[in-house]
Amino acid sequence: MYAGTHDAVGNQIDDGEDYEYVYDPFGRLRFVNRTDNQALVAEYRYNGLGFRVGWHYDVDADGTVENTSDDPWFYFAYDEGWRMVATYRSTDSSPKEQFVHHVAGLGGFGGSSYIDGVILRERDANTAWASAADGTLEERLYYCQNFYEAGPVKSGGWWRIGRSTLLSGVSGRCGVRPGPNQPCGNAHSGERSYRLKF
């Protein structure tokens, strides 16, 4: 185990192994550098409200972060509630990925849910992450969650919470009942499972 170093306000400035971290005066992470050669690993930009709006990192994994098409900046779009709704590459007009958030609340009467989280992510899956977006989001990944756990689900599939196994080709409806140790009606071996129909 490595002992990290922290500054006077508690920000980790060295992980004791590979990376050093540089913060701005507001305590926001700005740069991540390699300890051995001080090479830039990642840098971040923020808006005036403190939300991260830009991310620049070594996309092509060549050991350096360049201001080229190999390592483009990625920018984040937010909704009126400051939840991230999309990621854009450099100057692209189409997103590389976009997110839809749960806003129905308990009982479906508005407000926010307990988790107030993402319910699905769509991604441009047929172009490389560093390449220009083609305007089509081919991959859709659902996040099924209750008050206790969450897990991703691809279309036509199951996700067993607590397991790293994705079972595909099963359809049905979400049958999660509230409360601990109360699996949906389609659970196997007493495990909590989510069953979704797409």
N, C-alpha and C. Protein backbone atom coordinates (compact mmCIF):
# COMPACT_ATOMS: atom_id res chain seq x y z
N MET A 1 0.84 -1.18 0.00
CA MET A 1 0.00 0.00 0.00
C MET A 1 0.88 1.24 0.00
N TYR A 2 0.46 2.25 -0.75
CA TYR A 2 1.24 3.47 -0.90
C TYR A 2 0.65 4.57 -0.03
N ALA A 3 1.49 5.36 0.55
CA ALA A 3 1.06 6.48 1.38
C ALA A 3 1.05 7.73 0.52
N GLY A 4 -0.10 8.30 0.31
CA GLY A 4 -0.21 9.51 -0.49
C GLY A 4 0.12 10.73 0.33
N THR A 5 0.36 11.83 -0.37
CA THR A 5 0.64 13.11 0.27
C THR A 5 -0.53 14.04 0.00
N HIS A 6 -0.91 14.81 1.02
CA HIS A 6 -2.05 15.73 0.90
C HIS A 6 -1.59 17.15 1.23
N ASP A 7 -2.31 18.12 0.66
CA ASP A 7 -1.99 19.51 0.98
C ASP A 7 -2.70 19.92 2.27
N ALA A 8 -2.58 21.18 2.64
CA ALA A 8 -3.11 21.67 3.92
C ALA A 8 -4.64 21.57 4.02
N VAL A 9 -5.33 21.56 2.90
CA VAL A 9 -6.80 21.48 2.93
C VAL A 9 -7.32 20.08 2.65
N GLY A 10 -6.42 19.10 2.50
CA GLY A 10 -6.83 17.70 2.35
C GLY A 10 -6.83 17.15 0.95
N ASN A 11 -6.49 17.95 -0.06
CA ASN A 11 -6.42 17.44 -1.43
C ASN A 11 -5.21 16.53 -1.59
N GLN A 12 -5.41 15.39 -2.20
CA GLN A 12 -4.28 14.50 -2.46
C GLN A 12 -3.42 15.10 -3.57
N ILE A 13 -2.14 15.31 -3.28
CA ILE A 13 -1.24 15.91 -4.27
C ILE A 13 -0.23 14.92 -4.83
N ASP A 14 -0.13 13.76 -4.21
CA ASP A 14 0.77 12.71 -4.69
C ASP A 14 0.21 11.38 -4.19
N ASP A 15 0.05 10.41 -5.11
CA ASP A 15 -0.52 9.13 -4.68
C ASP A 15 0.53 8.18 -4.11
N GLY A 16 1.78 8.63 -4.07
CA GLY A 16 2.84 7.81 -3.51
C GLY A 16 3.34 6.74 -4.45
N GLU A 17 2.81 6.71 -5.66
CA GLU A 17 3.22 5.70 -6.62
C GLU A 17 3.49 6.29 -8.00
N ASP A 18 2.44 6.67 -8.72
CA ASP A 18 2.60 7.07 -10.11
C ASP A 18 2.24 8.51 -10.44
N TYR A 19 1.34 9.11 -9.68
CA TYR A 19 0.76 10.38 -10.12
C TYR A 19 0.85 11.49 -9.08
N GLU A 20 0.95 12.72 -9.59
CA GLU A 20 0.87 13.92 -8.78
C GLU A 20 -0.31 14.74 -9.29
N TYR A 21 -0.97 15.46 -8.38
CA TYR A 21 -2.20 16.17 -8.70
C TYR A 21 -2.03 17.65 -8.38
N VAL A 22 -2.52 18.50 -9.28
CA VAL A 22 -2.42 19.94 -9.12
C VAL A 22 -3.84 20.51 -9.10
N TYR A 23 -4.12 21.35 -8.10
CA TYR A 23 -5.45 21.92 -7.92
C TYR A 23 -5.42 23.43 -8.13
N ASP A 24 -6.56 24.00 -8.50
CA ASP A 24 -6.65 25.45 -8.61
C ASP A 24 -6.97 26.03 -7.23
N PRO A 25 -7.02 27.34 -7.08
CA PRO A 25 -7.28 27.93 -5.76
C PRO A 25 -8.65 27.57 -5.17
N PHE A 26 -9.55 27.05 -5.97
CA PHE A 26 -10.87 26.66 -5.49
C PHE A 26 -10.93 25.18 -5.11
N GLY A 27 -9.81 24.49 -5.16
CA GLY A 27 -9.75 23.08 -4.78
C GLY A 27 -10.20 22.12 -5.86
N ARG A 28 -10.26 22.58 -7.10
CA ARG A 28 -10.68 21.73 -8.21
C ARG A 28 -9.45 21.13 -8.88
N LEU A 29 -9.52 19.84 -9.17
CA LEU A 29 -8.41 19.16 -9.83
C LEU A 29 -8.21 19.75 -11.23
N ARG A 30 -6.99 20.22 -11.51
CA ARG A 30 -6.70 20.81 -12.82
C ARG A 30 -5.78 19.94 -13.66
N PHE A 31 -4.74 19.36 -13.03
CA PHE A 31 -3.77 18.57 -13.79
C PHE A 31 -3.41 17.30 -13.04
N VAL A 32 -3.17 16.23 -13.81
CA VAL A 32 -2.61 14.98 -13.28
C VAL A 32 -1.34 14.75 -14.07
N ASN A 33 -0.21 14.62 -13.34
CA ASN A 33 1.10 14.42 -13.97
C ASN A 33 1.72 13.12 -13.47
N ARG A 34 2.53 12.50 -14.32
CA ARG A 34 3.30 11.32 -13.89
C ARG A 34 4.38 11.78 -12.91
N THR A 35 4.59 11.02 -11.89
CA THR A 35 5.60 11.36 -10.89
C THR A 35 7.02 11.24 -11.46
N ASP A 36 7.28 10.22 -12.27
CA ASP A 36 8.64 9.97 -12.73
C ASP A 36 9.19 11.01 -13.71
N ASN A 37 8.35 11.51 -14.63
CA ASN A 37 8.86 12.43 -15.64
C ASN A 37 8.03 13.72 -15.77
N GLN A 38 7.04 13.89 -14.91
CA GLN A 38 6.16 15.07 -14.91
C GLN A 38 5.35 15.22 -16.19
N ALA A 39 5.22 14.14 -16.98
CA ALA A 39 4.40 14.18 -18.19
C ALA A 39 2.94 14.37 -17.81
N LEU A 40 2.25 15.20 -18.57
CA LEU A 40 0.83 15.44 -18.35
C LEU A 40 0.03 14.19 -18.67
N VAL A 41 -0.82 13.76 -17.76
CA VAL A 41 -1.68 12.59 -17.96
C VAL A 41 -3.10 13.05 -18.30
N ALA A 42 -3.56 14.11 -17.61
CA ALA A 42 -4.91 14.63 -17.85
C ALA A 42 -4.99 16.05 -17.34
N GLU A 43 -5.90 16.82 -17.94
CA GLU A 43 -6.19 18.17 -17.44
C GLU A 43 -7.69 18.41 -17.57
N TYR A 44 -8.19 19.30 -16.71
CA TYR A 44 -9.62 19.54 -16.62
C TYR A 44 -9.90 21.04 -16.63
N ARG A 45 -11.08 21.41 -17.15
CA ARG A 45 -11.56 22.80 -17.13
C ARG A 45 -12.90 22.84 -16.42
N TYR A 46 -13.18 23.98 -15.80
CA TYR A 46 -14.42 24.15 -15.03
C TYR A 46 -15.09 25.45 -15.42
N ASN A 47 -16.41 25.51 -15.22
CA ASN A 47 -17.10 26.77 -15.45
C ASN A 47 -17.11 27.59 -14.16
N GLY A 48 -17.70 28.77 -14.19
CA GLY A 48 -17.72 29.65 -13.04
C GLY A 48 -18.47 29.11 -11.84
N LEU A 49 -19.32 28.11 -12.05
CA LEU A 49 -20.06 27.51 -10.94
C LEU A 49 -19.35 26.30 -10.36
N GLY A 50 -18.21 25.95 -10.93
CA GLY A 50 -17.41 24.85 -10.40
C GLY A 50 -17.67 23.50 -11.04
N PHE A 51 -18.51 23.46 -12.07
CA PHE A 51 -18.77 22.18 -12.75
C PHE A 51 -17.69 21.92 -13.78
N ARG A 52 -17.27 20.66 -13.86
CA ARG A 52 -16.24 20.28 -14.83
C ARG A 52 -16.86 20.33 -16.22
N VAL A 53 -16.27 21.10 -17.11
CA VAL A 53 -16.81 21.24 -18.46
C VAL A 53 -15.86 20.74 -19.54
N GLY A 54 -14.60 20.47 -19.19
CA GLY A 54 -13.65 20.00 -20.18
C GLY A 54 -12.70 18.97 -19.61
N TRP A 55 -12.32 18.02 -20.47
CA TRP A 55 -11.43 16.92 -20.08
C TRP A 55 -10.48 16.66 -21.23
N HIS A 56 -9.19 16.67 -20.95
CA HIS A 56 -8.16 16.44 -21.96
C HIS A 56 -7.21 15.40 -21.39
N TYR A 57 -7.07 14.29 -22.09
CA TYR A 57 -6.22 13.21 -21.57
C TYR A 57 -5.54 12.47 -22.71
N ASP A 58 -4.70 11.54 -22.37
CA ASP A 58 -3.92 10.78 -23.34
C ASP A 58 -4.80 9.69 -23.97
N VAL A 59 -5.64 10.09 -24.90
CA VAL A 59 -6.60 9.18 -25.53
C VAL A 59 -5.89 8.06 -26.28
N ASP A 60 -4.83 8.40 -27.02
CA ASP A 60 -4.15 7.41 -27.85
C ASP A 60 -3.12 6.59 -27.07
N ALA A 61 -2.98 6.84 -25.77
CA ALA A 61 -2.11 6.06 -24.87
C ALA A 61 -0.66 5.98 -25.36
N ASP A 62 -0.15 7.11 -25.90
CA ASP A 62 1.25 7.13 -26.33
C ASP A 62 2.17 7.73 -25.27
N GLY A 63 1.62 8.04 -24.11
CA GLY A 63 2.43 8.55 -23.01
C GLY A 63 2.50 10.06 -22.90
N THR A 64 1.91 10.77 -23.86
CA THR A 64 1.88 12.23 -23.80
C THR A 64 0.50 12.75 -24.19
N VAL A 65 0.15 13.89 -23.64
CA VAL A 65 -1.12 14.54 -23.98
C VAL A 65 -0.80 15.69 -24.92
N GLU A 66 -1.23 15.57 -26.17
CA GLU A 66 -0.96 16.58 -27.18
C GLU A 66 -2.24 17.35 -27.49
N ASN A 67 -2.08 18.56 -27.99
CA ASN A 67 -3.22 19.33 -28.47
C ASN A 67 -3.41 19.05 -29.95
N THR A 68 -3.69 17.79 -30.26
CA THR A 68 -3.88 17.36 -31.65
C THR A 68 -5.15 16.53 -31.71
N SER A 69 -5.46 16.03 -32.90
CA SER A 69 -6.64 15.18 -33.06
C SER A 69 -6.46 13.83 -32.37
N ASP A 70 -5.19 13.46 -32.06
CA ASP A 70 -4.95 12.20 -31.34
C ASP A 70 -5.45 12.27 -29.91
N ASP A 71 -5.35 13.44 -29.30
CA ASP A 71 -5.76 13.65 -27.91
C ASP A 71 -6.65 14.89 -27.83
N PRO A 72 -7.86 14.80 -28.38
CA PRO A 72 -8.73 15.99 -28.39
C PRO A 72 -9.30 16.30 -27.00
N TRP A 73 -9.75 17.52 -26.83
CA TRP A 73 -10.51 17.89 -25.64
C TRP A 73 -11.91 17.30 -25.77
N PHE A 74 -12.48 16.93 -24.65
CA PHE A 74 -13.89 16.52 -24.58
C PHE A 74 -14.61 17.50 -23.68
N TYR A 75 -15.81 17.91 -24.10
CA TYR A 75 -16.59 18.90 -23.35
C TYR A 75 -17.92 18.29 -22.92
N PHE A 76 -18.41 18.74 -21.78
CA PHE A 76 -19.63 18.19 -21.19
C PHE A 76 -20.76 19.20 -21.26
N ALA A 77 -21.95 18.72 -21.62
CA ALA A 77 -23.15 19.55 -21.64
C ALA A 77 -24.02 19.14 -20.45
N TYR A 78 -24.64 20.14 -19.83
CA TYR A 78 -25.46 19.92 -18.64
C TYR A 78 -26.88 20.40 -18.87
N ASP A 79 -27.83 19.82 -18.12
CA ASP A 79 -29.21 20.30 -18.18
C ASP A 79 -29.39 21.39 -17.12
N GLU A 80 -30.62 21.87 -16.98
CA GLU A 80 -30.89 22.97 -16.04
C GLU A 80 -30.66 22.58 -14.58
N GLY A 81 -30.63 21.28 -14.29
CA GLY A 81 -30.35 20.80 -12.94
C GLY A 81 -28.87 20.46 -12.74
N TRP A 82 -28.02 20.84 -13.69
CA TRP A 82 -26.59 20.60 -13.67
C TRP A 82 -26.23 19.13 -13.61
N ARG A 83 -27.02 18.33 -14.31
CA ARG A 83 -26.69 16.92 -14.51
C ARG A 83 -26.08 16.80 -15.90
N MET A 84 -25.00 16.04 -16.02
CA MET A 84 -24.35 15.89 -17.31
C MET A 84 -25.27 15.14 -18.26
N VAL A 85 -25.51 15.71 -19.45
CA VAL A 85 -26.40 15.08 -20.42
C VAL A 85 -25.70 14.67 -21.70
N ALA A 86 -24.47 15.13 -21.93
CA ALA A 86 -23.78 14.73 -23.16
C ALA A 86 -22.28 15.02 -23.04
N THR A 87 -21.52 14.27 -23.84
CA THR A 87 -20.08 14.49 -23.98
C THR A 87 -19.80 14.75 -25.46
N TYR A 88 -19.13 15.86 -25.74
CA TYR A 88 -18.78 16.23 -27.11
C TYR A 88 -17.27 16.22 -27.28
N ARG A 89 -16.81 15.82 -28.45
CA ARG A 89 -15.39 15.84 -28.79
C ARG A 89 -15.07 17.18 -29.45
N SER A 90 -14.11 17.88 -28.91
CA SER A 90 -13.59 19.13 -29.46
C SER A 90 -14.69 20.02 -30.01
N THR A 91 -14.70 20.18 -31.33
CA THR A 91 -15.67 21.09 -31.96
C THR A 91 -16.81 20.35 -32.65
N ASP A 92 -16.99 19.07 -32.36
CA ASP A 92 -18.08 18.30 -32.99
C ASP A 92 -19.43 18.90 -32.63
N SER A 93 -20.38 18.80 -33.56
CA SER A 93 -21.74 19.26 -33.29
C SER A 93 -22.64 18.12 -32.82
N SER A 94 -22.17 16.88 -32.95
CA SER A 94 -22.90 15.71 -32.48
C SER A 94 -22.17 15.12 -31.28
N PRO A 95 -22.92 14.60 -30.29
CA PRO A 95 -22.26 14.06 -29.10
C PRO A 95 -21.62 12.70 -29.35
N LYS A 96 -20.59 12.39 -28.57
CA LYS A 96 -20.01 11.04 -28.56
C LYS A 96 -20.87 10.13 -27.68
N GLU A 97 -21.50 10.71 -26.65
CA GLU A 97 -22.42 9.98 -25.79
C GLU A 97 -23.40 10.97 -25.20
N GLN A 98 -24.58 10.46 -24.85
CA GLN A 98 -25.56 11.29 -24.16
C GLN A 98 -26.27 10.47 -23.10
N PHE A 99 -26.80 11.18 -22.09
CA PHE A 99 -27.39 10.54 -20.93
C PHE A 99 -28.80 11.04 -20.71
N VAL A 100 -29.68 10.14 -20.25
CA VAL A 100 -31.04 10.50 -19.85
C VAL A 100 -31.14 10.19 -18.37
N HIS A 101 -31.64 11.17 -17.60
CA HIS A 101 -31.73 11.03 -16.15
C HIS A 101 -33.15 10.73 -15.69
N HIS A 102 -33.24 10.05 -14.58
CA HIS A 102 -34.52 9.74 -13.94
C HIS A 102 -34.98 11.00 -13.22
N VAL A 103 -36.20 11.47 -13.53
CA VAL A 103 -36.72 12.65 -12.85
C VAL A 103 -38.14 12.46 -12.34
N ALA A 104 -38.69 11.26 -12.47
CA ALA A 104 -40.08 11.05 -12.10
C ALA A 104 -40.30 11.12 -10.60
N GLY A 105 -39.32 10.73 -9.81
CA GLY A 105 -39.48 10.76 -8.37
C GLY A 105 -40.28 9.57 -7.87
N LEU A 106 -40.40 9.47 -6.57
CA LEU A 106 -41.17 8.39 -5.97
C LEU A 106 -42.63 8.52 -6.35
N GLY A 107 -43.23 7.46 -6.81
CA GLY A 107 -44.64 7.48 -7.19
C GLY A 107 -44.91 8.14 -8.52
N GLY A 108 -43.88 8.66 -9.19
CA GLY A 108 -44.05 9.27 -10.51
C GLY A 108 -44.69 10.62 -10.49
N PHE A 109 -44.65 11.34 -9.37
CA PHE A 109 -45.32 12.63 -9.26
C PHE A 109 -44.36 13.81 -9.28
N GLY A 110 -43.26 13.69 -9.97
CA GLY A 110 -42.31 14.80 -10.07
C GLY A 110 -41.30 14.80 -8.94
N GLY A 111 -40.46 15.81 -8.94
CA GLY A 111 -39.38 15.84 -7.96
C GLY A 111 -38.27 14.92 -8.42
N SER A 112 -37.36 14.68 -7.54
CA SER A 112 -36.25 13.81 -7.91
C SER A 112 -36.38 12.47 -7.22
N SER A 113 -35.75 11.48 -7.79
CA SER A 113 -35.75 10.16 -7.17
C SER A 113 -34.68 10.14 -6.09
N TYR A 114 -34.62 9.06 -5.37
CA TYR A 114 -33.62 8.91 -4.31
C TYR A 114 -32.22 9.01 -4.89
N ILE A 115 -31.99 8.32 -6.01
CA ILE A 115 -30.67 8.30 -6.62
C ILE A 115 -30.52 9.45 -7.60
N ASP A 116 -31.63 9.86 -8.24
CA ASP A 116 -31.63 10.94 -9.21
C ASP A 116 -30.56 10.71 -10.26
N GLY A 117 -30.45 9.48 -10.70
CA GLY A 117 -29.35 9.11 -11.56
C GLY A 117 -29.73 8.87 -13.00
N VAL A 118 -28.73 8.48 -13.73
CA VAL A 118 -28.86 8.16 -15.15
C VAL A 118 -29.70 6.91 -15.31
N ILE A 119 -30.62 6.93 -16.28
CA ILE A 119 -31.36 5.71 -16.58
C ILE A 119 -30.91 5.08 -17.89
N LEU A 120 -30.28 5.87 -18.75
CA LEU A 120 -29.68 5.27 -19.94
C LEU A 120 -28.59 6.15 -20.49
N ARG A 121 -27.67 5.50 -21.20
CA ARG A 121 -26.60 6.18 -21.90
C ARG A 121 -26.58 5.68 -23.33
N GLU A 122 -26.54 6.61 -24.27
CA GLU A 122 -26.39 6.26 -25.68
C GLU A 122 -25.00 6.71 -26.12
N ARG A 123 -24.35 5.89 -26.96
CA ARG A 123 -22.97 6.17 -27.33
C ARG A 123 -22.73 5.91 -28.81
N ASP A 124 -21.88 6.74 -29.40
CA ASP A 124 -21.43 6.54 -30.78
C ASP A 124 -20.43 5.39 -30.74
N ALA A 125 -20.89 4.20 -31.06
CA ALA A 125 -20.08 2.99 -30.86
C ALA A 125 -19.28 2.57 -32.09
N ASN A 126 -19.55 3.15 -33.25
CA ASN A 126 -18.83 2.66 -34.43
C ASN A 126 -17.72 3.60 -34.89
N THR A 127 -17.40 4.62 -34.11
CA THR A 127 -16.23 5.44 -34.40
C THR A 127 -15.33 5.42 -33.17
N ALA A 128 -14.04 5.55 -33.39
CA ALA A 128 -13.11 5.58 -32.26
C ALA A 128 -13.42 6.77 -31.37
N TRP A 129 -13.14 6.64 -30.08
CA TRP A 129 -13.48 7.70 -29.12
C TRP A 129 -12.84 9.03 -29.53
N ALA A 130 -11.63 9.03 -30.06
CA ALA A 130 -10.94 10.27 -30.44
C ALA A 130 -11.36 10.80 -31.80
N SER A 131 -12.11 10.01 -32.57
CA SER A 131 -12.54 10.42 -33.90
C SER A 131 -13.81 11.25 -33.85
N ALA A 132 -14.07 11.98 -34.92
CA ALA A 132 -15.27 12.82 -34.98
C ALA A 132 -16.53 11.96 -34.86
N ALA A 133 -17.51 12.48 -34.13
CA ALA A 133 -18.79 11.78 -33.99
C ALA A 133 -19.49 11.75 -35.34
N ASP A 134 -20.19 10.64 -35.62
CA ASP A 134 -20.86 10.52 -36.92
C ASP A 134 -22.34 10.90 -36.86
N GLY A 135 -22.83 11.32 -35.71
CA GLY A 135 -24.22 11.76 -35.59
C GLY A 135 -25.20 10.65 -35.25
N THR A 136 -24.74 9.41 -35.14
CA THR A 136 -25.60 8.29 -34.79
C THR A 136 -25.08 7.63 -33.52
N LEU A 137 -25.97 7.45 -32.56
CA LEU A 137 -25.62 6.81 -31.30
C LEU A 137 -26.11 5.37 -31.35
N GLU A 138 -25.20 4.46 -31.70
CA GLU A 138 -25.58 3.08 -31.99
C GLU A 138 -25.78 2.21 -30.74
N GLU A 139 -25.13 2.52 -29.66
CA GLU A 139 -25.20 1.67 -28.47
C GLU A 139 -26.05 2.33 -27.40
N ARG A 140 -26.96 1.56 -26.81
CA ARG A 140 -27.79 2.06 -25.71
C ARG A 140 -27.57 1.14 -24.51
N LEU A 141 -27.24 1.74 -23.38
CA LEU A 141 -27.01 1.02 -22.15
C LEU A 141 -27.94 1.58 -21.09
N TYR A 142 -28.79 0.72 -20.50
CA TYR A 142 -29.73 1.13 -19.46
C TYR A 142 -29.11 0.90 -18.09
N TYR A 143 -29.44 1.75 -17.15
CA TYR A 143 -29.03 1.58 -15.76
C TYR A 143 -30.27 1.30 -14.95
N CYS A 144 -30.35 0.12 -14.39
CA CYS A 144 -31.50 -0.25 -13.58
C CYS A 144 -31.08 -0.12 -12.13
N GLN A 145 -31.88 0.58 -11.35
CA GLN A 145 -31.49 0.85 -9.98
C GLN A 145 -32.71 0.90 -9.07
N ASN A 146 -32.48 0.60 -7.83
CA ASN A 146 -33.47 0.84 -6.80
C ASN A 146 -32.77 1.59 -5.68
N PHE A 147 -33.32 1.61 -4.51
CA PHE A 147 -32.72 2.37 -3.43
C PHE A 147 -31.45 1.74 -2.87
N TYR A 148 -31.13 0.52 -3.28
CA TYR A 148 -30.03 -0.21 -2.68
C TYR A 148 -28.86 -0.46 -3.61
N GLU A 149 -29.15 -0.68 -4.89
CA GLU A 149 -28.11 -1.11 -5.81
C GLU A 149 -28.39 -0.58 -7.20
N ALA A 150 -27.41 -0.65 -8.07
CA ALA A 150 -27.58 -0.24 -9.46
C ALA A 150 -26.71 -1.11 -10.34
N GLY A 151 -27.10 -1.24 -11.62
CA GLY A 151 -26.31 -2.01 -12.55
C GLY A 151 -26.69 -1.68 -13.97
N PRO A 152 -25.75 -1.80 -14.92
CA PRO A 152 -26.05 -1.52 -16.33
C PRO A 152 -26.72 -2.70 -17.01
N VAL A 153 -27.57 -2.41 -17.99
CA VAL A 153 -28.26 -3.44 -18.75
C VAL A 153 -28.22 -3.06 -20.22
N LYS A 154 -27.81 -3.98 -21.07
CA LYS A 154 -27.88 -3.74 -22.51
C LYS A 154 -29.25 -4.19 -23.00
N SER A 155 -29.68 -3.68 -24.13
CA SER A 155 -30.98 -4.02 -24.67
C SER A 155 -31.17 -5.52 -24.74
N GLY A 156 -32.34 -6.00 -24.30
CA GLY A 156 -32.67 -7.41 -24.35
C GLY A 156 -31.94 -8.23 -23.32
N GLY A 157 -31.50 -7.63 -22.23
CA GLY A 157 -30.70 -8.40 -21.29
C GLY A 157 -31.09 -8.24 -19.84
N TRP A 158 -30.47 -9.06 -19.03
CA TRP A 158 -30.62 -9.03 -17.58
C TRP A 158 -29.32 -8.56 -16.98
N TRP A 159 -29.41 -7.95 -15.83
CA TRP A 159 -28.22 -7.68 -15.03
C TRP A 159 -28.53 -8.18 -13.64
N ARG A 160 -27.73 -9.09 -13.15
CA ARG A 160 -27.90 -9.57 -11.78
C ARG A 160 -27.05 -8.71 -10.87
N ILE A 161 -27.69 -8.05 -9.97
CA ILE A 161 -26.98 -7.18 -9.04
C ILE A 161 -26.07 -8.03 -8.17
N GLY A 162 -24.86 -7.57 -7.98
CA GLY A 162 -23.90 -8.30 -7.16
C GLY A 162 -23.10 -9.31 -7.96
N ARG A 163 -23.39 -9.44 -9.23
CA ARG A 163 -22.66 -10.36 -10.10
C ARG A 163 -22.14 -9.59 -11.30
N SER A 164 -21.09 -10.06 -11.89
CA SER A 164 -20.58 -9.40 -13.10
C SER A 164 -20.98 -10.18 -14.34
N THR A 165 -22.17 -10.76 -14.31
CA THR A 165 -22.63 -11.56 -15.43
C THR A 165 -23.82 -10.88 -16.09
N LEU A 166 -23.74 -10.63 -17.36
CA LEU A 166 -24.85 -10.07 -18.11
C LEU A 166 -25.49 -11.21 -18.89
N LEU A 167 -26.75 -11.47 -18.61
CA LEU A 167 -27.49 -12.52 -19.30
C LEU A 167 -28.29 -11.87 -20.40
N SER A 168 -28.08 -12.24 -21.64
CA SER A 168 -28.77 -11.57 -22.74
C SER A 168 -29.90 -12.40 -23.28
N GLY A 169 -30.78 -11.72 -24.02
CA GLY A 169 -31.87 -12.40 -24.70
C GLY A 169 -33.08 -12.66 -23.84
N VAL A 170 -33.17 -12.11 -22.65
CA VAL A 170 -34.31 -12.33 -21.77
C VAL A 170 -35.14 -11.07 -21.77
N SER A 171 -36.45 -11.20 -21.92
CA SER A 171 -37.30 -10.02 -21.89
C SER A 171 -38.38 -10.21 -20.84
N GLY A 172 -39.03 -9.12 -20.51
CA GLY A 172 -40.08 -9.13 -19.49
C GLY A 172 -40.34 -7.71 -19.07
N ARG A 173 -40.75 -7.51 -17.83
CA ARG A 173 -40.95 -6.15 -17.35
C ARG A 173 -40.19 -5.98 -16.04
N CYS A 174 -39.89 -4.74 -15.69
CA CYS A 174 -39.17 -4.50 -14.46
C CYS A 174 -40.09 -4.87 -13.31
N GLY A 175 -39.67 -5.78 -12.46
CA GLY A 175 -40.51 -6.26 -11.38
C GLY A 175 -39.87 -6.08 -10.03
N VAL A 176 -39.08 -5.03 -9.85
CA VAL A 176 -38.39 -4.83 -8.58
C VAL A 176 -39.40 -4.36 -7.54
N ARG A 177 -39.40 -5.01 -6.40
CA ARG A 177 -40.22 -4.58 -5.28
C ARG A 177 -39.32 -3.89 -4.28
N PRO A 178 -39.80 -2.86 -3.58
CA PRO A 178 -38.95 -2.16 -2.63
C PRO A 178 -38.63 -3.02 -1.42
N GLY A 179 -37.55 -2.68 -0.79
CA GLY A 179 -37.17 -3.35 0.44
C GLY A 179 -35.99 -4.27 0.25
N PRO A 180 -35.15 -4.38 1.27
CA PRO A 180 -34.00 -5.27 1.16
C PRO A 180 -34.44 -6.72 1.10
N ASN A 181 -33.68 -7.50 0.38
CA ASN A 181 -33.92 -8.94 0.27
C ASN A 181 -35.29 -9.27 -0.29
N GLN A 182 -35.84 -8.39 -1.10
CA GLN A 182 -37.10 -8.68 -1.78
C GLN A 182 -36.85 -8.60 -3.27
N PRO A 183 -36.42 -9.69 -3.88
CA PRO A 183 -36.13 -9.67 -5.32
C PRO A 183 -37.40 -9.57 -6.14
N CYS A 184 -37.22 -9.24 -7.40
CA CYS A 184 -38.38 -9.21 -8.29
C CYS A 184 -38.92 -10.63 -8.47
N GLY A 185 -40.08 -10.74 -9.06
CA GLY A 185 -40.71 -12.04 -9.23
C GLY A 185 -39.95 -12.99 -10.12
N ASN A 186 -38.95 -12.50 -10.84
CA ASN A 186 -38.20 -13.34 -11.77
C ASN A 186 -36.79 -13.62 -11.28
N ALA A 187 -36.52 -13.43 -9.99
CA ALA A 187 -35.18 -13.64 -9.47
C ALA A 187 -34.82 -15.11 -9.44
N HIS A 188 -33.54 -15.40 -9.54
CA HIS A 188 -33.04 -16.76 -9.50
C HIS A 188 -32.20 -16.95 -8.25
N SER A 189 -32.36 -18.05 -7.59
CA SER A 189 -31.56 -18.43 -6.43
C SER A 189 -31.57 -17.36 -5.35
N GLY A 190 -32.67 -16.63 -5.22
CA GLY A 190 -32.79 -15.64 -4.18
C GLY A 190 -31.98 -14.38 -4.40
N GLU A 191 -31.38 -14.20 -5.58
CA GLU A 191 -30.61 -13.00 -5.85
C GLU A 191 -31.54 -11.90 -6.34
N ARG A 192 -31.16 -10.68 -6.09
CA ARG A 192 -31.91 -9.57 -6.62
C ARG A 192 -31.56 -9.41 -8.10
N SER A 193 -32.53 -9.48 -8.96
CA SER A 193 -32.29 -9.32 -10.39
C SER A 193 -33.29 -8.35 -10.95
N TYR A 194 -32.92 -7.71 -12.04
CA TYR A 194 -33.82 -6.79 -12.72
C TYR A 194 -34.16 -7.41 -14.06
N ARG A 195 -35.41 -7.40 -14.41
CA ARG A 195 -35.84 -7.92 -15.70
C ARG A 195 -36.48 -6.80 -16.47
N LEU A 196 -35.98 -6.54 -17.65
CA LEU A 196 -36.42 -5.41 -18.43
C LEU A 196 -36.87 -5.86 -19.82
N LYS A 197 -37.83 -5.14 -20.36
CA LYS A 197 -38.26 -5.41 -21.73
C LYS A 197 -37.95 -4.17 -22.56
N PHE A 198 -37.33 -4.40 -23.72
CA PHE A 198 -36.97 -3.29 -24.60
C PHE A 198 -37.53 -3.51 -25.97
